[in-house]
Every structure is written in C-alpha cells, then in structure tokens.
Amino acid sequence: MTTITLYHNPRCSKSRETLKLLESHGVTPTIIKYLENPLSAEALSMLKQQLGLSSFRDMMRTKEADYKAANLGDASVDEAKLRDAMVNNPKLIERPIAVKGEKAVIGRPPENVLALIK
C-alpha cells in the first residue's frame, strides 16, 4: 500500500483538520513540517506536477502579506521566480498538501484528501 505524505503546518487549523480526517479513516500519514524543513525547487516542481497545476501561483497563499509585498501577483512574474519565492519563504505554500504516489491534492477543504484514500 502506498503511504500518504502530508505537508503539514501544525499551527494551521485546516492542516490539523486534514490530519485528523486522514487519521479518522485509518491513515497515518508521513508528516513533513515544511516550515521546519523547507522544500527544494525540485520538490516544489514535483508537487506542482502531482497537483496537476499549470502555475506555481495556484499552490501559493496569495493573501499572505509577503506575497503582496513581493508583488508576486503581477502577471509578468515568471514561474521560476514564483517557485523560488516558495523555496525562500515556505509560508507562501498553500497548506496542507497530501501526496499519494503520483497524485497530490491541496487540503482546502480538508475533504479533498479523501480522493487519495478511495
């Protein structure tokens, strides 16, 4: 059985709800506290692919002050700069992200992760 990896921020209520939901379905995920162990550019690129997203912006917390301060919402900002912003400031990464095999989902709402355990 393929395990689920959860990119988790224990201070985030949605991340905690997602973890609780997985556990209530008998899943004990491998937890990566991405704020303590920042993701590399390569890992973020893989997550973007697993999420099926066309832009890194779709996996960013666009309401964060740091996002706005860095003007990352500007359409002229290229993908490499968006990715590097998350490498250098992991709190910009939308959370939580659950991964199983080649597929990933953002746990907003937390019920999105149920697609990985069916």
PDB file of N, CA and C in Angstrom:
ATOM      1  N   MET A   1       0.840  -1.194   0.000  1.00  0.00           N
ATOM      2  CA  MET A   1       0.000   0.000   0.000  1.00  0.00           C
ATOM      3  C   MET A   1       0.881   1.251   0.000  1.00  0.00           C
ATOM      4  N   THR A   2       0.574   2.180  -0.872  1.00  0.00           N
ATOM      5  CA  THR A   2       1.298   3.437  -0.932  1.00  0.00           C
ATOM      6  C   THR A   2       0.869   4.312   0.230  1.00  0.00           C
ATOM      7  N   THR A   3       1.834   4.891   0.891  1.00  0.00           N
ATOM      8  CA  THR A   3       1.500   5.754   2.015  1.00  0.00           C
ATOM      9  C   THR A   3       1.197   7.165   1.539  1.00  0.00           C
ATOM     10  N   ILE A   4       0.563   7.905   2.414  1.00  0.00           N
ATOM     11  CA  ILE A   4       0.254   9.301   2.133  1.00  0.00           C
ATOM     12  C   ILE A   4       1.255  10.168   2.883  1.00  0.00           C
ATOM     13  N   THR A   5       1.771  11.160   2.194  1.00  0.00           N
ATOM     14  CA  THR A   5       2.643  12.152   2.802  1.00  0.00           C
ATOM     15  C   THR A   5       1.845  13.433   2.942  1.00  0.00           C
ATOM     16  N   LEU A   6       1.933  14.049   4.106  1.00  0.00           N
ATOM     17  CA  LEU A   6       1.204  15.286   4.357  1.00  0.00           C
ATOM     18  C   LEU A   6       2.202  16.398   4.636  1.00  0.00           C
ATOM     19  N   TYR A   7       2.203  17.412   3.766  1.00  0.00           N
ATOM     20  CA  TYR A   7       2.997  18.618   4.004  1.00  0.00           C
ATOM     21  C   TYR A   7       2.153  19.470   4.940  1.00  0.00           C
ATOM     22  N   HIS A   8       2.609  19.557   6.173  1.00  0.00           N
ATOM     23  CA  HIS A   8       1.776  19.962   7.298  1.00  0.00           C
ATOM     24  C   HIS A   8       2.349  21.160   8.043  1.00  0.00           C
ATOM     25  N   ASN A   9       1.440  22.025   8.457  1.00  0.00           N
ATOM     26  CA  ASN A   9       1.771  23.119   9.369  1.00  0.00           C
ATOM     27  C   ASN A   9       0.861  22.947  10.581  1.00  0.00           C
ATOM     28  N   PRO A  10       1.407  22.467  11.705  1.00  0.00           N
ATOM     29  CA  PRO A  10       0.571  22.198  12.872  1.00  0.00           C
ATOM     30  C   PRO A  10      -0.139  23.423  13.444  1.00  0.00           C
ATOM     31  N   ARG A  11       0.289  24.619  13.062  1.00  0.00           N
ATOM     32  CA  ARG A  11      -0.364  25.836  13.553  1.00  0.00           C
ATOM     33  C   ARG A  11      -1.576  26.220  12.710  1.00  0.00           C
ATOM     34  N   CYS A  12      -1.760  25.552  11.584  1.00  0.00           N
ATOM     35  CA  CYS A  12      -2.863  25.855  10.665  1.00  0.00           C
ATOM     36  C   CYS A  12      -4.064  24.966  10.969  1.00  0.00           C
ATOM     37  N   SER A  13      -5.217  25.566  11.166  1.00  0.00           N
ATOM     38  CA  SER A  13      -6.415  24.778  11.503  1.00  0.00           C
ATOM     39  C   SER A  13      -6.805  23.834  10.375  1.00  0.00           C
ATOM     40  N   LYS A  14      -6.690  24.255   9.120  1.00  0.00           N
ATOM     41  CA  LYS A  14      -7.045  23.375   8.001  1.00  0.00           C
ATOM     42  C   LYS A  14      -6.087  22.193   7.913  1.00  0.00           C
ATOM     43  N   SER A  15      -4.829  22.444   8.196  1.00  0.00           N
ATOM     44  CA  SER A  15      -3.849  21.370   8.182  1.00  0.00           C
ATOM     45  C   SER A  15      -4.145  20.370   9.307  1.00  0.00           C
ATOM     46  N   ARG A  16      -4.478  20.869  10.478  1.00  0.00           N
ATOM     47  CA  ARG A  16      -4.830  19.981  11.596  1.00  0.00           C
ATOM     48  C   ARG A  16      -6.105  19.198  11.296  1.00  0.00           C
ATOM     49  N   GLU A  17      -7.088  19.864  10.694  1.00  0.00           N
ATOM     50  CA  GLU A  17      -8.338  19.178  10.326  1.00  0.00           C
ATOM     51  C   GLU A  17      -8.070  18.079   9.302  1.00  0.00           C
ATOM     52  N   THR A  18      -7.203  18.352   8.353  1.00  0.00           N
ATOM     53  CA  THR A  18      -6.876  17.358   7.326  1.00  0.00           C
ATOM     54  C   THR A  18      -6.198  16.152   7.952  1.00  0.00           C
ATOM     55  N   LEU A  19      -5.263  16.385   8.849  1.00  0.00           N
ATOM     56  CA  LEU A  19      -4.584  15.290   9.539  1.00  0.00           C
ATOM     57  C   LEU A  19      -5.593  14.460  10.333  1.00  0.00           C
ATOM     58  N   LYS A  20      -6.484  15.125  11.043  1.00  0.00           N
ATOM     59  CA  LYS A  20      -7.495  14.418  11.838  1.00  0.00           C
ATOM     60  C   LYS A  20      -8.421  13.594  10.936  1.00  0.00           C
ATOM     61  N   LEU A  21      -8.788  14.146   9.786  1.00  0.00           N
ATOM     62  CA  LEU A  21      -9.651  13.441   8.843  1.00  0.00           C
ATOM     63  C   LEU A  21      -8.962  12.184   8.308  1.00  0.00           C
ATOM     64  N   LEU A  22      -7.704  12.310   7.940  1.00  0.00           N
ATOM     65  CA  LEU A  22      -6.962  11.136   7.471  1.00  0.00           C
ATOM     66  C   LEU A  22      -6.904  10.070   8.560  1.00  0.00           C
ATOM     67  N   GLU A  23      -6.570  10.481   9.765  1.00  0.00           N
ATOM     68  CA  GLU A  23      -6.471   9.530  10.874  1.00  0.00           C
ATOM     69  C   GLU A  23      -7.810   8.869  11.171  1.00  0.00           C
ATOM     70  N   SER A  24      -8.902   9.622  11.018  1.00  0.00           N
ATOM     71  CA  SER A  24     -10.233   9.044  11.266  1.00  0.00           C
ATOM     72  C   SER A  24     -10.591   7.986  10.228  1.00  0.00           C
ATOM     73  N   HIS A  25      -9.885   7.994   9.097  1.00  0.00           N
ATOM     74  CA  HIS A  25     -10.083   6.982   8.056  1.00  0.00           C
ATOM     75  C   HIS A  25      -8.993   5.915   8.099  1.00  0.00           C
ATOM     76  N   GLY A  26      -8.295   5.852   9.229  1.00  0.00           N
ATOM     77  CA  GLY A  26      -7.296   4.803   9.424  1.00  0.00           C
ATOM     78  C   GLY A  26      -5.968   5.043   8.731  1.00  0.00           C
ATOM     79  N   VAL A  27      -5.726   6.275   8.291  1.00  0.00           N
ATOM     80  CA  VAL A  27      -4.486   6.603   7.597  1.00  0.00           C
ATOM     81  C   VAL A  27      -3.569   7.370   8.545  1.00  0.00           C
ATOM     82  N   THR A  28      -2.359   6.868   8.703  1.00  0.00           N
ATOM     83  CA  THR A  28      -1.337   7.580   9.473  1.00  0.00           C
ATOM     84  C   THR A  28      -0.307   8.073   8.466  1.00  0.00           C
ATOM     85  N   PRO A  29      -0.427   9.337   8.061  1.00  0.00           N
ATOM     86  CA  PRO A  29       0.469   9.836   7.011  1.00  0.00           C
ATOM     87  C   PRO A  29       1.883  10.091   7.521  1.00  0.00           C
ATOM     88  N   THR A  30       2.798  10.099   6.591  1.00  0.00           N
ATOM     89  CA  THR A  30       4.143  10.590   6.861  1.00  0.00           C
ATOM     90  C   THR A  30       4.024  12.103   6.860  1.00  0.00           C
ATOM     91  N   ILE A  31       4.452  12.731   7.937  1.00  0.00           N
ATOM     92  CA  ILE A  31       4.281  14.177   8.061  1.00  0.00           C
ATOM     93  C   ILE A  31       5.595  14.893   7.778  1.00  0.00           C
ATOM     94  N   ILE A  32       5.502  15.888   6.917  1.00  0.00           N
ATOM     95  CA  ILE A  32       6.638  16.761   6.646  1.00  0.00           C
ATOM     96  C   ILE A  32       6.229  18.166   7.082  1.00  0.00           C
ATOM     97  N   LYS A  33       6.906  18.655   8.087  1.00  0.00           N
ATOM     98  CA  LYS A  33       6.666  20.023   8.557  1.00  0.00           C
ATOM     99  C   LYS A  33       7.512  20.942   7.683  1.00  0.00           C
ATOM    100  N   TYR A  34       6.901  21.397   6.606  1.00  0.00           N
ATOM    101  CA  TYR A  34       7.637  22.101   5.561  1.00  0.00           C
ATOM    102  C   TYR A  34       8.171  23.463   5.997  1.00  0.00           C
ATOM    103  N   LEU A  35       7.635  24.025   7.082  1.00  0.00           N
ATOM    104  CA  LEU A  35       8.196  25.284   7.572  1.00  0.00           C
ATOM    105  C   LEU A  35       9.539  25.038   8.264  1.00  0.00           C
ATOM    106  N   GLU A  36       9.678  23.862   8.875  1.00  0.00           N
ATOM    107  CA  GLU A  36      10.932  23.496   9.548  1.00  0.00           C
ATOM    108  C   GLU A  36      11.928  22.876   8.568  1.00  0.00           C
ATOM    109  N   ASN A  37      11.414  22.226   7.549  1.00  0.00           N
ATOM    110  CA  ASN A  37      12.231  21.558   6.532  1.00  0.00           C
ATOM    111  C   ASN A  37      11.800  22.058   5.162  1.00  0.00           C
ATOM    112  N   PRO A  38      12.250  23.253   4.774  1.00  0.00           N
ATOM    113  CA  PRO A  38      11.797  23.842   3.504  1.00  0.00           C
ATOM    114  C   PRO A  38      12.041  22.930   2.306  1.00  0.00           C
ATOM    115  N   LEU A  39      11.134  23.012   1.365  1.00  0.00           N
ATOM    116  CA  LEU A  39      11.212  22.204   0.154  1.00  0.00           C
ATOM    117  C   LEU A  39      12.170  22.823  -0.854  1.00  0.00           C
ATOM    118  N   SER A  40      12.830  21.963  -1.594  1.00  0.00           N
ATOM    119  CA  SER A  40      13.728  22.421  -2.661  1.00  0.00           C
ATOM    120  C   SER A  40      12.905  22.833  -3.881  1.00  0.00           C
ATOM    121  N   ALA A  41      13.571  23.491  -4.809  1.00  0.00           N
ATOM    122  CA  ALA A  41      12.921  23.856  -6.073  1.00  0.00           C
ATOM    123  C   ALA A  41      12.434  22.608  -6.794  1.00  0.00           C
ATOM    124  N   GLU A  42      13.239  21.545  -6.745  1.00  0.00           N
ATOM    125  CA  GLU A  42      12.862  20.300  -7.415  1.00  0.00           C
ATOM    126  C   GLU A  42      11.630  19.674  -6.764  1.00  0.00           C
ATOM    127  N   ALA A  43      11.584  19.690  -5.439  1.00  0.00           N
ATOM    128  CA  ALA A  43      10.428  19.113  -4.732  1.00  0.00           C
ATOM    129  C   ALA A  43       9.163  19.905  -5.039  1.00  0.00           C
ATOM    130  N   LEU A  44       9.268  21.224  -5.094  1.00  0.00           N
ATOM    131  CA  LEU A  44       8.102  22.046  -5.424  1.00  0.00           C
ATOM    132  C   LEU A  44       7.645  21.801  -6.859  1.00  0.00           C
ATOM    133  N   SER A  45       8.594  21.621  -7.759  1.00  0.00           N
ATOM    134  CA  SER A  45       8.238  21.330  -9.154  1.00  0.00           C
ATOM    135  C   SER A  45       7.503  20.002  -9.252  1.00  0.00           C
ATOM    136  N   MET A  46       7.952  19.008  -8.486  1.00  0.00           N
ATOM    137  CA  MET A  46       7.284  17.707  -8.473  1.00  0.00           C
ATOM    138  C   MET A  46       5.872  17.840  -7.896  1.00  0.00           C
ATOM    139  N   LEU A  47       5.727  18.589  -6.811  1.00  0.00           N
ATOM    140  CA  LEU A  47       4.396  18.787  -6.229  1.00  0.00           C
ATOM    141  C   LEU A  47       3.455  19.472  -7.216  1.00  0.00           C
ATOM    142  N   LYS A  48       3.946  20.480  -7.907  1.00  0.00           N
ATOM    143  CA  LYS A  48       3.120  21.172  -8.908  1.00  0.00           C
ATOM    144  C   LYS A  48       2.622  20.181  -9.954  1.00  0.00           C
ATOM    145  N   GLN A  49       3.507  19.305 -10.388  1.00  0.00           N
ATOM    146  CA  GLN A  49       3.133  18.285 -11.383  1.00  0.00           C
ATOM    147  C   GLN A  49       2.108  17.319 -10.792  1.00  0.00           C
ATOM    148  N   GLN A  50       2.349  16.840  -9.569  1.00  0.00           N
ATOM    149  CA  GLN A  50       1.433  15.897  -8.925  1.00  0.00           C
ATOM    150  C   GLN A  50       0.063  16.516  -8.680  1.00  0.00           C
ATOM    151  N   LEU A  51       0.045  17.826  -8.424  1.00  0.00           N
ATOM    152  CA  LEU A  51      -1.218  18.533  -8.214  1.00  0.00           C
ATOM    153  C   LEU A  51      -1.944  18.798  -9.536  1.00  0.00           C
ATOM    154  N   GLY A  52      -1.223  18.656 -10.632  1.00  0.00           N
ATOM    155  CA  GLY A  52      -1.824  18.908 -11.945  1.00  0.00           C
ATOM    156  C   GLY A  52      -2.041  20.388 -12.215  1.00  0.00           C
ATOM    157  N   LEU A  53      -1.176  21.226 -11.672  1.00  0.00           N
ATOM    158  CA  LEU A  53      -1.323  22.669 -11.809  1.00  0.00           C
ATOM    159  C   LEU A  53      -0.476  23.193 -12.961  1.00  0.00           C
ATOM    160  N   SER A  54      -0.947  24.250 -13.579  1.00  0.00           N
ATOM    161  CA  SER A  54      -0.187  24.847 -14.679  1.00  0.00           C
ATOM    162  C   SER A  54       0.732  25.959 -14.186  1.00  0.00           C
ATOM    163  N   SER A  55       0.486  26.477 -12.985  1.00  0.00           N
ATOM    164  CA  SER A  55       1.307  27.570 -12.462  1.00  0.00           C
ATOM    165  C   SER A  55       1.593  27.364 -10.979  1.00  0.00           C
ATOM    166  N   PHE A  56       2.777  27.776 -10.566  1.00  0.00           N
ATOM    167  CA  PHE A  56       3.112  27.735  -9.140  1.00  0.00           C
ATOM    168  C   PHE A  56       2.179  28.644  -8.346  1.00  0.00           C
ATOM    169  N   ARG A  57       1.684  29.681  -8.979  1.00  0.00           N
ATOM    170  CA  ARG A  57       0.783  30.615  -8.295  1.00  0.00           C
ATOM    171  C   ARG A  57      -0.433  29.881  -7.722  1.00  0.00           C
ATOM    172  N   ASP A  58      -0.852  28.799  -8.383  1.00  0.00           N
ATOM    173  CA  ASP A  58      -2.029  28.043  -7.938  1.00  0.00           C
ATOM    174  C   ASP A  58      -1.776  27.251  -6.658  1.00  0.00           C
ATOM    175  N   MET A  59      -0.523  27.177  -6.228  1.00  0.00           N
ATOM    176  CA  MET A  59      -0.222  26.487  -4.977  1.00  0.00           C
ATOM    177  C   MET A  59       0.360  27.445  -3.931  1.00  0.00           C
ATOM    178  N   MET A  60       0.044  28.743  -4.133  1.00  0.00           N
ATOM    179  CA  MET A  60       0.562  29.762  -3.229  1.00  0.00           C
ATOM    180  C   MET A  60      -0.560  30.398  -2.425  1.00  0.00           C
ATOM    181  N   ARG A  61      -0.191  30.835  -1.240  1.00  0.00           N
ATOM    182  CA  ARG A  61      -1.107  31.573  -0.369  1.00  0.00           C
ATOM    183  C   ARG A  61      -1.088  33.035  -0.814  1.00  0.00           C
ATOM    184  N   THR A  62      -1.986  33.369  -1.714  1.00  0.00           N
ATOM    185  CA  THR A  62      -1.975  34.681  -2.357  1.00  0.00           C
ATOM    186  C   THR A  62      -2.438  35.816  -1.452  1.00  0.00           C
ATOM    187  N   LYS A  63      -2.985  35.485  -0.299  1.00  0.00           N
ATOM    188  CA  LYS A  63      -3.433  36.538   0.625  1.00  0.00           C
ATOM    189  C   LYS A  63      -2.361  36.885   1.663  1.00  0.00           C
ATOM    190  N   GLU A  64      -1.251  36.165   1.652  1.00  0.00           N
ATOM    191  CA  GLU A  64      -0.152  36.448   2.583  1.00  0.00           C
ATOM    192  C   GLU A  64       0.446  37.827   2.292  1.00  0.00           C
ATOM    193  N   ALA A  65       0.799  38.528   3.344  1.00  0.00           N
ATOM    194  CA  ALA A  65       1.424  39.842   3.191  1.00  0.00           C
ATOM    195  C   ALA A  65       2.720  39.741   2.388  1.00  0.00           C
ATOM    196  N   ASP A  66       3.484  38.669   2.593  1.00  0.00           N
ATOM    197  CA  ASP A  66       4.739  38.503   1.865  1.00  0.00           C
ATOM    198  C   ASP A  66       4.510  38.330   0.363  1.00  0.00           C
ATOM    199  N   TYR A  67       3.409  37.690  -0.006  1.00  0.00           N
ATOM    200  CA  TYR A  67       3.053  37.521  -1.414  1.00  0.00           C
ATOM    201  C   TYR A  67       2.807  38.894  -2.037  1.00  0.00           C
ATOM    202  N   LYS A  68       2.036  39.697  -1.332  1.00  0.00           N
ATOM    203  CA  LYS A  68       1.705  41.031  -1.834  1.00  0.00           C
ATOM    204  C   LYS A  68       2.935  41.935  -1.838  1.00  0.00           C
ATOM    205  N   ALA A  69       3.737  41.862  -0.774  1.00  0.00           N
ATOM    206  CA  ALA A  69       4.925  42.712  -0.665  1.00  0.00           C
ATOM    207  C   ALA A  69       5.929  42.425  -1.781  1.00  0.00           C
ATOM    208  N   ALA A  70       6.033  41.172  -2.188  1.00  0.00           N
ATOM    209  CA  ALA A  70       6.962  40.789  -3.258  1.00  0.00           C
ATOM    210  C   ALA A  70       6.347  40.976  -4.640  1.00  0.00           C
ATOM    211  N   ASN A  71       5.105  41.467  -4.697  1.00  0.00           N
ATOM    212  CA  ASN A  71       4.405  41.713  -5.956  1.00  0.00           C
ATOM    213  C   ASN A  71       4.305  40.444  -6.811  1.00  0.00           C
ATOM    214  N   LEU A  72       4.095  39.303  -6.137  1.00  0.00           N
ATOM    215  CA  LEU A  72       4.032  38.024  -6.850  1.00  0.00           C
ATOM    216  C   LEU A  72       2.740  37.850  -7.643  1.00  0.00           C
ATOM    217  N   GLY A  73       1.762  38.694  -7.401  1.00  0.00           N
ATOM    218  CA  GLY A  73       0.515  38.638  -8.154  1.00  0.00           C
ATOM    219  C   GLY A  73       0.616  39.256  -9.539  1.00  0.00           C
ATOM    220  N   ASP A  74       1.702  39.948  -9.791  1.00  0.00           N
ATOM    221  CA  ASP A  74       1.925  40.568 -11.094  1.00  0.00           C
ATOM    222  C   ASP A  74       2.056  39.468 -12.147  1.00  0.00           C
ATOM    223  N   ALA A  75       1.267  39.554 -13.189  1.00  0.00           N
ATOM    224  CA  ALA A  75       1.244  38.524 -14.228  1.00  0.00           C
ATOM    225  C   ALA A  75       2.587  38.368 -14.939  1.00  0.00           C
ATOM    226  N   SER A  76       3.451  39.378 -14.853  1.00  0.00           N
ATOM    227  CA  SER A  76       4.745  39.283 -15.527  1.00  0.00           C
ATOM    228  C   SER A  76       5.777  38.474 -14.728  1.00  0.00           C
ATOM    229  N   VAL A  77       5.455  38.110 -13.479  1.00  0.00           N
ATOM    230  CA  VAL A  77       6.383  37.314 -12.669  1.00  0.00           C
ATOM    231  C   VAL A  77       6.416  35.898 -13.237  1.00  0.00           C
ATOM    232  N   ASP A  78       7.618  35.428 -13.580  1.00  0.00           N
ATOM    233  CA  ASP A  78       7.719  34.116 -14.225  1.00  0.00           C
ATOM    234  C   ASP A  78       7.668  32.976 -13.205  1.00  0.00           C
ATOM    235  N   GLU A  79       7.508  31.775 -13.720  1.00  0.00           N
ATOM    236  CA  GLU A  79       7.336  30.577 -12.890  1.00  0.00           C
ATOM    237  C   GLU A  79       8.542  30.319 -11.988  1.00  0.00           C
ATOM    238  N   ALA A  80       9.734  30.546 -12.495  1.00  0.00           N
ATOM    239  CA  ALA A  80      10.936  30.312 -11.688  1.00  0.00           C
ATOM    240  C   ALA A  80      10.950  31.237 -10.473  1.00  0.00           C
ATOM    241  N   LYS A  81      10.534  32.468 -10.664  1.00  0.00           N
ATOM    242  CA  LYS A  81      10.516  33.424  -9.549  1.00  0.00           C
ATOM    243  C   LYS A  81       9.441  33.029  -8.530  1.00  0.00           C
ATOM    244  N   LEU A  82       8.295  32.568  -9.001  1.00  0.00           N
ATOM    245  CA  LEU A  82       7.249  32.110  -8.079  1.00  0.00           C
ATOM    246  C   LEU A  82       7.745  30.915  -7.264  1.00  0.00           C
ATOM    247  N   ARG A  83       8.350  29.949  -7.952  1.00  0.00           N
ATOM    248  CA  ARG A  83       8.889  28.759  -7.274  1.00  0.00           C
ATOM    249  C   ARG A  83       9.944  29.155  -6.255  1.00  0.00           C
ATOM    250  N   ASP A  84      10.870  30.018  -6.661  1.00  0.00           N
ATOM    251  CA  ASP A  84      11.947  30.423  -5.773  1.00  0.00           C
ATOM    252  C   ASP A  84      11.423  31.193  -4.569  1.00  0.00           C
ATOM    253  N   ALA A  85      10.338  31.923  -4.744  1.00  0.00           N
ATOM    254  CA  ALA A  85       9.738  32.633  -3.608  1.00  0.00           C
ATOM    255  C   ALA A  85       9.265  31.637  -2.553  1.00  0.00           C
ATOM    256  N   MET A  86       8.704  30.499  -2.994  1.00  0.00           N
ATOM    257  CA  MET A  86       8.255  29.473  -2.038  1.00  0.00           C
ATOM    258  C   MET A  86       9.433  28.739  -1.407  1.00  0.00           C
ATOM    259  N   VAL A  87      10.509  28.548  -2.170  1.00  0.00           N
ATOM    260  CA  VAL A  87      11.712  27.927  -1.609  1.00  0.00           C
ATOM    261  C   VAL A  87      12.249  28.804  -0.484  1.00  0.00           C
ATOM    262  N   ASN A  88      12.314  30.103  -0.732  1.00  0.00           N
ATOM    263  CA  ASN A  88      12.893  31.037   0.230  1.00  0.00           C
ATOM    264  C   ASN A  88      11.940  31.460   1.336  1.00  0.00           C
ATOM    265  N   ASN A  89      10.654  31.292   1.110  1.00  0.00           N
ATOM    266  CA  ASN A  89       9.652  31.694   2.092  1.00  0.00           C
ATOM    267  C   ASN A  89       8.526  30.653   2.089  1.00  0.00           C
ATOM    268  N   PRO A  90       8.754  29.502   2.755  1.00  0.00           N
ATOM    269  CA  PRO A  90       7.806  28.392   2.665  1.00  0.00           C
ATOM    270  C   PRO A  90       6.400  28.688   3.192  1.00  0.00           C
ATOM    271  N   LYS A  91       6.236  29.765   3.952  1.00  0.00           N
ATOM    272  CA  LYS A  91       4.873  30.057   4.406  1.00  0.00           C
ATOM    273  C   LYS A  91       3.975  30.494   3.253  1.00  0.00           C
ATOM    274  N   LEU A  92       4.567  30.743   2.086  1.00  0.00           N
ATOM    275  CA  LEU A  92       3.777  31.070   0.896  1.00  0.00           C
ATOM    276  C   LEU A  92       3.118  29.841   0.274  1.00  0.00           C
ATOM    277  N   ILE A  93       3.540  28.643   0.687  1.00  0.00           N
ATOM    278  CA  ILE A  93       2.980  27.411   0.130  1.00  0.00           C
ATOM    279  C   ILE A  93       1.601  27.157   0.728  1.00  0.00           C
ATOM    280  N   GLU A  94       0.631  26.929  -0.147  1.00  0.00           N
ATOM    281  CA  GLU A  94      -0.722  26.593   0.318  1.00  0.00           C
ATOM    282  C   GLU A  94      -0.654  25.296   1.113  1.00  0.00           C
ATOM    283  N   ARG A  95      -1.445  25.220   2.141  1.00  0.00           N
ATOM    284  CA  ARG A  95      -1.400  24.061   3.022  1.00  0.00           C
ATOM    285  C   ARG A  95      -2.788  23.580   3.369  1.00  0.00           C
ATOM    286  N   PRO A  96      -2.838  22.347   3.735  1.00  0.00           N
ATOM    287  CA  PRO A  96      -1.842  21.293   3.612  1.00  0.00           C
ATOM    288  C   PRO A  96      -1.873  20.696   2.205  1.00  0.00           C
ATOM    289  N   ILE A  97      -0.829  19.974   1.875  1.00  0.00           N
ATOM    290  CA  ILE A  97      -0.784  19.227   0.621  1.00  0.00           C
ATOM    291  C   ILE A  97      -0.564  17.763   0.974  1.00  0.00           C
ATOM    292  N   ALA A  98      -1.441  16.915   0.454  1.00  0.00           N
ATOM    293  CA  ALA A  98      -1.326  15.467   0.678  1.00  0.00           C
ATOM    294  C   ALA A  98      -0.925  14.809  -0.632  1.00  0.00           C
ATOM    295  N   VAL A  99      -0.005  13.851  -0.526  1.00  0.00           N
ATOM    296  CA  VAL A  99       0.517  13.170  -1.707  1.00  0.00           C
ATOM    297  C   VAL A  99       0.425  11.666  -1.505  1.00  0.00           C
ATOM    298  N   LYS A 100      -0.049  10.988  -2.541  1.00  0.00           N
ATOM    299  CA  LYS A 100      -0.059   9.525  -2.563  1.00  0.00           C
ATOM    300  C   LYS A 100       0.381   9.111  -3.955  1.00  0.00           C
ATOM    301  N   GLY A 101       1.529   8.453  -4.031  1.00  0.00           N
ATOM    302  CA  GLY A 101       2.044   8.043  -5.334  1.00  0.00           C
ATOM    303  C   GLY A 101       2.317   9.240  -6.214  1.00  0.00           C
ATOM    304  N   GLU A 102       1.712   9.256  -7.381  1.00  0.00           N
ATOM    305  CA  GLU A 102       1.926  10.333  -8.347  1.00  0.00           C
ATOM    306  C   GLU A 102       0.865  11.427  -8.272  1.00  0.00           C
ATOM    307  N   LYS A 103      -0.046  11.322  -7.303  1.00  0.00           N
ATOM    308  CA  LYS A 103      -1.157  12.278  -7.203  1.00  0.00           C
ATOM    309  C   LYS A 103      -1.068  13.061  -5.907  1.00  0.00           C
ATOM    310  N   ALA A 104      -1.428  14.326  -5.976  1.00  0.00           N
ATOM    311  CA  ALA A 104      -1.451  15.182  -4.792  1.00  0.00           C
ATOM    312  C   ALA A 104      -2.705  16.046  -4.822  1.00  0.00           C
ATOM    313  N   VAL A 105      -3.138  16.460  -3.633  1.00  0.00           N
ATOM    314  CA  VAL A 105      -4.275  17.374  -3.509  1.00  0.00           C
ATOM    315  C   VAL A 105      -3.961  18.387  -2.423  1.00  0.00           C
ATOM    316  N   ILE A 106      -4.534  19.566  -2.580  1.00  0.00           N
ATOM    317  CA  ILE A 106      -4.461  20.581  -1.534  1.00  0.00           C
ATOM    318  C   ILE A 106      -5.669  20.364  -0.629  1.00  0.00           C
ATOM    319  N   GLY A 107      -5.426  20.285   0.655  1.00  0.00           N
ATOM    320  CA  GLY A 107      -6.486  20.004   1.627  1.00  0.00           C
ATOM    321  C   GLY A 107      -7.310  21.219   1.996  1.00  0.00           C
ATOM    322  N   ARG A 108      -7.799  21.902   1.029  1.00  0.00           N
ATOM    323  CA  ARG A 108      -8.719  23.027   1.232  1.00  0.00           C
ATOM    324  C   ARG A 108      -9.860  22.854   0.260  1.00  0.00           C
ATOM    325  N   PRO A 109     -10.955  22.356   0.700  1.00  0.00           N
ATOM    326  CA  PRO A 109     -11.277  21.939   2.067  1.00  0.00           C
ATOM    327  C   PRO A 109     -10.590  20.616   2.400  1.00  0.00           C
ATOM    328  N   PRO A 110     -10.506  20.295   3.694  1.00  0.00           N
ATOM    329  CA  PRO A 110      -9.840  19.056   4.113  1.00  0.00           C
ATOM    330  C   PRO A 110     -10.376  17.810   3.412  1.00  0.00           C
ATOM    331  N   GLU A 111     -11.646  17.793   3.068  1.00  0.00           N
ATOM    332  CA  GLU A 111     -12.257  16.626   2.421  1.00  0.00           C
ATOM    333  C   GLU A 111     -11.622  16.292   1.078  1.00  0.00           C
ATOM    334  N   ASN A 112     -10.880  17.216   0.501  1.00  0.00           N
ATOM    335  CA  ASN A 112     -10.186  16.936  -0.765  1.00  0.00           C
ATOM    336  C   ASN A 112      -9.272  15.726  -0.645  1.00  0.00           C
ATOM    337  N   VAL A 113      -8.714  15.484   0.548  1.00  0.00           N
ATOM    338  CA  VAL A 113      -7.771  14.375   0.710  1.00  0.00           C
ATOM    339  C   VAL A 113      -8.450  13.016   0.619  1.00  0.00           C
ATOM    340  N   LEU A 114      -9.749  12.968   0.758  1.00  0.00           N
ATOM    341  CA  LEU A 114     -10.457  11.694   0.675  1.00  0.00           C
ATOM    342  C   LEU A 114     -10.297  11.056  -0.696  1.00  0.00           C
ATOM    343  N   ALA A 115     -10.050  11.874  -1.715  1.00  0.00           N
ATOM    344  CA  ALA A 115      -9.833  11.335  -3.064  1.00  0.00           C
ATOM    345  C   ALA A 115      -8.595  10.437  -3.108  1.00  0.00           C
ATOM    346  N   LEU A 116      -7.667  10.619  -2.196  1.00  0.00           N
ATOM    347  CA  LEU A 116      -6.439   9.826  -2.171  1.00  0.00           C
ATOM    348  C   LEU A 116      -6.602   8.491  -1.462  1.00  0.00           C
ATOM    349  N   ILE A 117      -7.681   8.343  -0.691  1.00  0.00           N
ATOM    350  CA  ILE A 117      -7.826   7.088   0.087  1.00  0.00           C
ATOM    351  C   ILE A 117      -8.947   6.206  -0.421  1.00  0.00           C
ATOM    352  N   LYS A 118      -9.569   6.585  -1.523  1.00  0.00           N
ATOM    353  CA  LYS A 118     -10.643   5.757  -2.086  1.00  0.00           C
ATOM    354  C   LYS A 118     -10.076   4.613  -2.860  1.00  0.00           C
TER     355      LYS A 118
END
